[in-house]
Amino acid sequence: MAEGDPRVLFVMNLVLSSIFATVVIWGLDFIDVVALTPWNVASLALLVMALTYVVTR
């Protein structure tokens, strides 16, 4: 089974994790749990990317 180009998979993971993180942080900001800041979005995106990498390996 071909796994695909790792660069494309990395970029797809980056984009999708960033979108997911933005939506989650926006929702948490909407209910006043955390602030919607680039730092919070980037932190959650990196966490989701790492978790995705671990789960798929």
PDB file of N, CA and C in Angstrom:
ATOM      1  N   MET A   1       0.842  -1.180   0.000  1.00  0.00           N
ATOM      2  CA  MET A   1       0.000   0.000   0.000  1.00  0.00           C
ATOM      3  C   MET A   1       0.888   1.245   0.000  1.00  0.00           C
ATOM      4  N   ALA A   2       0.626   2.165  -0.893  1.00  0.00           N
ATOM      5  CA  ALA A   2       1.388   3.399  -0.978  1.00  0.00           C
ATOM      6  C   ALA A   2       0.923   4.361   0.111  1.00  0.00           C
ATOM      7  N   GLU A   3       1.889   4.969   0.793  1.00  0.00           N
ATOM      8  CA  GLU A   3       1.550   5.889   1.885  1.00  0.00           C
ATOM      9  C   GLU A   3       1.412   7.323   1.424  1.00  0.00           C
ATOM     10  N   GLY A   4       1.895   7.658   0.256  1.00  0.00           N
ATOM     11  CA  GLY A   4       1.807   9.031  -0.228  1.00  0.00           C
ATOM     12  C   GLY A   4       3.043   9.831   0.138  1.00  0.00           C
ATOM     13  N   ASP A   5       3.111  11.012  -0.398  1.00  0.00           N
ATOM     14  CA  ASP A   5       4.242  11.906  -0.151  1.00  0.00           C
ATOM     15  C   ASP A   5       4.146  12.465   1.269  1.00  0.00           C
ATOM     16  N   PRO A   6       5.155  12.253   2.098  1.00  0.00           N
ATOM     17  CA  PRO A   6       5.088  12.734   3.492  1.00  0.00           C
ATOM     18  C   PRO A   6       4.920  14.241   3.614  1.00  0.00           C
ATOM     19  N   ARG A   7       5.425  15.007   2.656  1.00  0.00           N
ATOM     20  CA  ARG A   7       5.274  16.462   2.715  1.00  0.00           C
ATOM     21  C   ARG A   7       3.817  16.863   2.549  1.00  0.00           C
ATOM     22  N   VAL A   8       3.128  16.185   1.636  1.00  0.00           N
ATOM     23  CA  VAL A   8       1.710  16.477   1.424  1.00  0.00           C
ATOM     24  C   VAL A   8       0.905  16.091   2.659  1.00  0.00           C
ATOM     25  N   LEU A   9       1.219  14.944   3.234  1.00  0.00           N
ATOM     26  CA  LEU A   9       0.518  14.514   4.447  1.00  0.00           C
ATOM     27  C   LEU A   9       0.764  15.480   5.604  1.00  0.00           C
ATOM     28  N   PHE A  10       1.993  15.978   5.719  1.00  0.00           N
ATOM     29  CA  PHE A  10       2.308  16.947   6.777  1.00  0.00           C
ATOM     30  C   PHE A  10       1.505  18.234   6.600  1.00  0.00           C
ATOM     31  N   VAL A  11       1.456  18.741   5.377  1.00  0.00           N
ATOM     32  CA  VAL A  11       0.721  19.989   5.116  1.00  0.00           C
ATOM     33  C   VAL A  11      -0.774  19.790   5.342  1.00  0.00           C
ATOM     34  N   MET A  12      -1.311  18.646   4.902  1.00  0.00           N
ATOM     35  CA  MET A  12      -2.730  18.373   5.140  1.00  0.00           C
ATOM     36  C   MET A  12      -3.015  18.301   6.640  1.00  0.00           C
ATOM     37  N   ASN A  13      -2.140  17.640   7.381  1.00  0.00           N
ATOM     38  CA  ASN A  13      -2.308  17.542   8.828  1.00  0.00           C
ATOM     39  C   ASN A  13      -2.234  18.925   9.469  1.00  0.00           C
ATOM     40  N   LEU A  14      -1.298  19.746   9.015  1.00  0.00           N
ATOM     41  CA  LEU A  14      -1.143  21.100   9.537  1.00  0.00           C
ATOM     42  C   LEU A  14      -2.397  21.935   9.294  1.00  0.00           C
ATOM     43  N   VAL A  15      -2.905  21.907   8.075  1.00  0.00           N
ATOM     44  CA  VAL A  15      -4.084  22.713   7.723  1.00  0.00           C
ATOM     45  C   VAL A  15      -5.321  22.234   8.480  1.00  0.00           C
ATOM     46  N   LEU A  16      -5.561  20.933   8.458  1.00  0.00           N
ATOM     47  CA  LEU A  16      -6.768  20.412   9.120  1.00  0.00           C
ATOM     48  C   LEU A  16      -6.696  20.568  10.637  1.00  0.00           C
ATOM     49  N   SER A  17      -5.524  20.362  11.213  1.00  0.00           N
ATOM     50  CA  SER A  17      -5.379  20.549  12.659  1.00  0.00           C
ATOM     51  C   SER A  17      -5.558  22.014  13.043  1.00  0.00           C
ATOM     52  N   SER A  18      -5.060  22.914  12.207  1.00  0.00           N
ATOM     53  CA  SER A  18      -5.214  24.346  12.486  1.00  0.00           C
ATOM     54  C   SER A  18      -6.680  24.774  12.408  1.00  0.00           C
ATOM     55  N   ILE A  19      -7.390  24.279  11.423  1.00  0.00           N
ATOM     56  CA  ILE A  19      -8.819  24.597  11.311  1.00  0.00           C
ATOM     57  C   ILE A  19      -9.573  24.055  12.516  1.00  0.00           C
ATOM     58  N   PHE A  20      -9.293  22.804  12.877  1.00  0.00           N
ATOM     59  CA  PHE A  20      -9.954  22.193  14.023  1.00  0.00           C
ATOM     60  C   PHE A  20      -9.647  22.976  15.301  1.00  0.00           C
ATOM     61  N   ALA A  21      -8.377  23.325  15.489  1.00  0.00           N
ATOM     62  CA  ALA A  21      -7.980  24.066  16.688  1.00  0.00           C
ATOM     63  C   ALA A  21      -8.647  25.430  16.738  1.00  0.00           C
ATOM     64  N   THR A  22      -8.744  26.099  15.606  1.00  0.00           N
ATOM     65  CA  THR A  22      -9.394  27.409  15.560  1.00  0.00           C
ATOM     66  C   THR A  22     -10.856  27.303  15.967  1.00  0.00           C
ATOM     67  N   VAL A  23     -11.550  26.303  15.457  1.00  0.00           N
ATOM     68  CA  VAL A  23     -12.966  26.123  15.792  1.00  0.00           C
ATOM     69  C   VAL A  23     -13.140  25.797  17.274  1.00  0.00           C
ATOM     70  N   VAL A  24     -12.291  24.920  17.797  1.00  0.00           N
ATOM     71  CA  VAL A  24     -12.406  24.545  19.212  1.00  0.00           C
ATOM     72  C   VAL A  24     -12.111  25.736  20.119  1.00  0.00           C
ATOM     73  N   ILE A  25     -11.027  26.455  19.838  1.00  0.00           N
ATOM     74  CA  ILE A  25     -10.680  27.613  20.670  1.00  0.00           C
ATOM     75  C   ILE A  25     -11.741  28.708  20.538  1.00  0.00           C
ATOM     76  N   TRP A  26     -12.281  28.905  19.335  1.00  0.00           N
ATOM     77  CA  TRP A  26     -13.350  29.890  19.165  1.00  0.00           C
ATOM     78  C   TRP A  26     -14.559  29.499  20.018  1.00  0.00           C
ATOM     79  N   GLY A  27     -14.918  28.215  20.001  1.00  0.00           N
ATOM     80  CA  GLY A  27     -16.047  27.757  20.811  1.00  0.00           C
ATOM     81  C   GLY A  27     -15.797  27.941  22.298  1.00  0.00           C
ATOM     82  N   LEU A  28     -14.579  27.638  22.740  1.00  0.00           N
ATOM     83  CA  LEU A  28     -14.250  27.830  24.147  1.00  0.00           C
ATOM     84  C   LEU A  28     -14.211  29.309  24.515  1.00  0.00           C
ATOM     85  N   ASP A  29     -13.793  30.155  23.584  1.00  0.00           N
ATOM     86  CA  ASP A  29     -13.818  31.601  23.824  1.00  0.00           C
ATOM     87  C   ASP A  29     -15.263  32.098  23.881  1.00  0.00           C
ATOM     88  N   PHE A  30     -16.115  31.519  23.068  1.00  0.00           N
ATOM     89  CA  PHE A  30     -17.529  31.910  23.029  1.00  0.00           C
ATOM     90  C   PHE A  30     -18.199  31.670  24.381  1.00  0.00           C
ATOM     91  N   ILE A  31     -17.803  30.584  25.062  1.00  0.00           N
ATOM     92  CA  ILE A  31     -18.381  30.298  26.383  1.00  0.00           C
ATOM     93  C   ILE A  31     -17.462  30.772  27.515  1.00  0.00           C
ATOM     94  N   ASP A  32     -16.488  31.618  27.183  1.00  0.00           N
ATOM     95  CA  ASP A  32     -15.585  32.254  28.152  1.00  0.00           C
ATOM     96  C   ASP A  32     -14.781  31.261  28.992  1.00  0.00           C
ATOM     97  N   VAL A  33     -14.218  30.256  28.330  1.00  0.00           N
ATOM     98  CA  VAL A  33     -13.338  29.316  29.024  1.00  0.00           C
ATOM     99  C   VAL A  33     -11.880  29.687  28.788  1.00  0.00           C
ATOM    100  N   VAL A  34     -11.516  29.961  27.538  1.00  0.00           N
ATOM    101  CA  VAL A  34     -10.165  30.418  27.188  1.00  0.00           C
ATOM    102  C   VAL A  34     -10.287  31.563  26.193  1.00  0.00           C
ATOM    103  N   ALA A  35      -9.202  32.298  26.041  1.00  0.00           N
ATOM    104  CA  ALA A  35      -9.190  33.413  25.091  1.00  0.00           C
ATOM    105  C   ALA A  35      -8.790  32.928  23.709  1.00  0.00           C
ATOM    106  N   LEU A  36      -9.387  33.542  22.705  1.00  0.00           N
ATOM    107  CA  LEU A  36      -9.046  33.231  21.317  1.00  0.00           C
ATOM    108  C   LEU A  36      -7.798  34.033  20.958  1.00  0.00           C
ATOM    109  N   THR A  37      -6.635  33.397  21.094  1.00  0.00           N
ATOM    110  CA  THR A  37      -5.366  34.031  20.757  1.00  0.00           C
ATOM    111  C   THR A  37      -4.607  33.124  19.796  1.00  0.00           C
ATOM    112  N   PRO A  38      -3.728  33.691  18.994  1.00  0.00           N
ATOM    113  CA  PRO A  38      -2.918  32.857  18.100  1.00  0.00           C
ATOM    114  C   PRO A  38      -2.093  31.814  18.860  1.00  0.00           C
ATOM    115  N   TRP A  39      -1.614  32.173  20.042  1.00  0.00           N
ATOM    116  CA  TRP A  39      -0.829  31.244  20.852  1.00  0.00           C
ATOM    117  C   TRP A  39      -1.661  30.017  21.244  1.00  0.00           C
ATOM    118  N   ASN A  40      -2.906  30.227  21.684  1.00  0.00           N
ATOM    119  CA  ASN A  40      -3.769  29.113  22.068  1.00  0.00           C
ATOM    120  C   ASN A  40      -4.110  28.236  20.868  1.00  0.00           C
ATOM    121  N   VAL A  41      -4.392  28.861  19.740  1.00  0.00           N
ATOM    122  CA  VAL A  41      -4.720  28.102  18.529  1.00  0.00           C
ATOM    123  C   VAL A  41      -3.510  27.284  18.079  1.00  0.00           C
ATOM    124  N   ALA A  42      -2.336  27.898  18.056  1.00  0.00           N
ATOM    125  CA  ALA A  42      -1.128  27.191  17.623  1.00  0.00           C
ATOM    126  C   ALA A  42      -0.782  26.048  18.574  1.00  0.00           C
ATOM    127  N   SER A  43      -0.953  26.270  19.858  1.00  0.00           N
ATOM    128  CA  SER A  43      -0.660  25.219  20.834  1.00  0.00           C
ATOM    129  C   SER A  43      -1.576  24.013  20.638  1.00  0.00           C
ATOM    130  N   LEU A  44      -2.854  24.276  20.488  1.00  0.00           N
ATOM    131  CA  LEU A  44      -3.789  23.170  20.282  1.00  0.00           C
ATOM    132  C   LEU A  44      -3.547  22.489  18.938  1.00  0.00           C
ATOM    133  N   ALA A  45      -3.228  23.253  17.915  1.00  0.00           N
ATOM    134  CA  ALA A  45      -2.947  22.667  16.605  1.00  0.00           C
ATOM    135  C   ALA A  45      -1.737  21.741  16.677  1.00  0.00           C
ATOM    136  N   LEU A  46      -0.687  22.159  17.366  1.00  0.00           N
ATOM    137  CA  LEU A  46       0.492  21.305  17.513  1.00  0.00           C
ATOM    138  C   LEU A  46       0.171  20.045  18.314  1.00  0.00           C
ATOM    139  N   LEU A  47      -0.643  20.181  19.334  1.00  0.00           N
ATOM    140  CA  LEU A  47      -1.051  19.028  20.121  1.00  0.00           C
ATOM    141  C   LEU A  47      -1.851  18.041  19.275  1.00  0.00           C
ATOM    142  N   VAL A  48      -2.782  18.556  18.483  1.00  0.00           N
ATOM    143  CA  VAL A  48      -3.586  17.692  17.615  1.00  0.00           C
ATOM    144  C   VAL A  48      -2.710  17.034  16.549  1.00  0.00           C
ATOM    145  N   MET A  49      -1.754  17.794  15.996  1.00  0.00           N
ATOM    146  CA  MET A  49      -0.843  17.222  14.996  1.00  0.00           C
ATOM    147  C   MET A  49      -0.013  16.087  15.597  1.00  0.00           C
ATOM    148  N   ALA A  50       0.505  16.296  16.792  1.00  0.00           N
ATOM    149  CA  ALA A  50       1.308  15.263  17.446  1.00  0.00           C
ATOM    150  C   ALA A  50       0.467  14.032  17.756  1.00  0.00           C
ATOM    151  N   LEU A  51      -0.734  14.253  18.243  1.00  0.00           N
ATOM    152  CA  LEU A  51      -1.618  13.137  18.548  1.00  0.00           C
ATOM    153  C   LEU A  51      -1.974  12.356  17.274  1.00  0.00           C
ATOM    154  N   THR A  52      -2.240  13.064  16.190  1.00  0.00           N
ATOM    155  CA  THR A  52      -2.539  12.419  14.918  1.00  0.00           C
ATOM    156  C   THR A  52      -1.357  11.598  14.437  1.00  0.00           C
ATOM    157  N   TYR A  53      -0.161  12.136  14.571  1.00  0.00           N
ATOM    158  CA  TYR A  53       1.049  11.429  14.153  1.00  0.00           C
ATOM    159  C   TYR A  53       1.225  10.135  14.956  1.00  0.00           C
ATOM    160  N   VAL A  54       1.051  10.219  16.274  1.00  0.00           N
ATOM    161  CA  VAL A  54       1.220   9.054  17.133  1.00  0.00           C
ATOM    162  C   VAL A  54       0.173   7.984  16.821  1.00  0.00           C
ATOM    163  N   VAL A  55      -1.057   8.401  16.621  1.00  0.00           N
ATOM    164  CA  VAL A  55      -2.137   7.445  16.361  1.00  0.00           C
ATOM    165  C   VAL A  55      -1.967   6.753  15.011  1.00  0.00           C
ATOM    166  N   THR A  56      -1.460   7.468  14.015  1.00  0.00           N
ATOM    167  CA  THR A  56      -1.349   6.871  12.678  1.00  0.00           C
ATOM    168  C   THR A  56      -0.069   6.083  12.477  1.00  0.00           C
ATOM    169  N   ARG A  57       0.866   6.120  13.398  1.00  0.00           N
ATOM    170  CA  ARG A  57       2.120   5.350  13.255  1.00  0.00           C
ATOM    171  C   ARG A  57       2.020   4.039  13.911  1.00  0.00           C
TER     172      ARG A  57
END
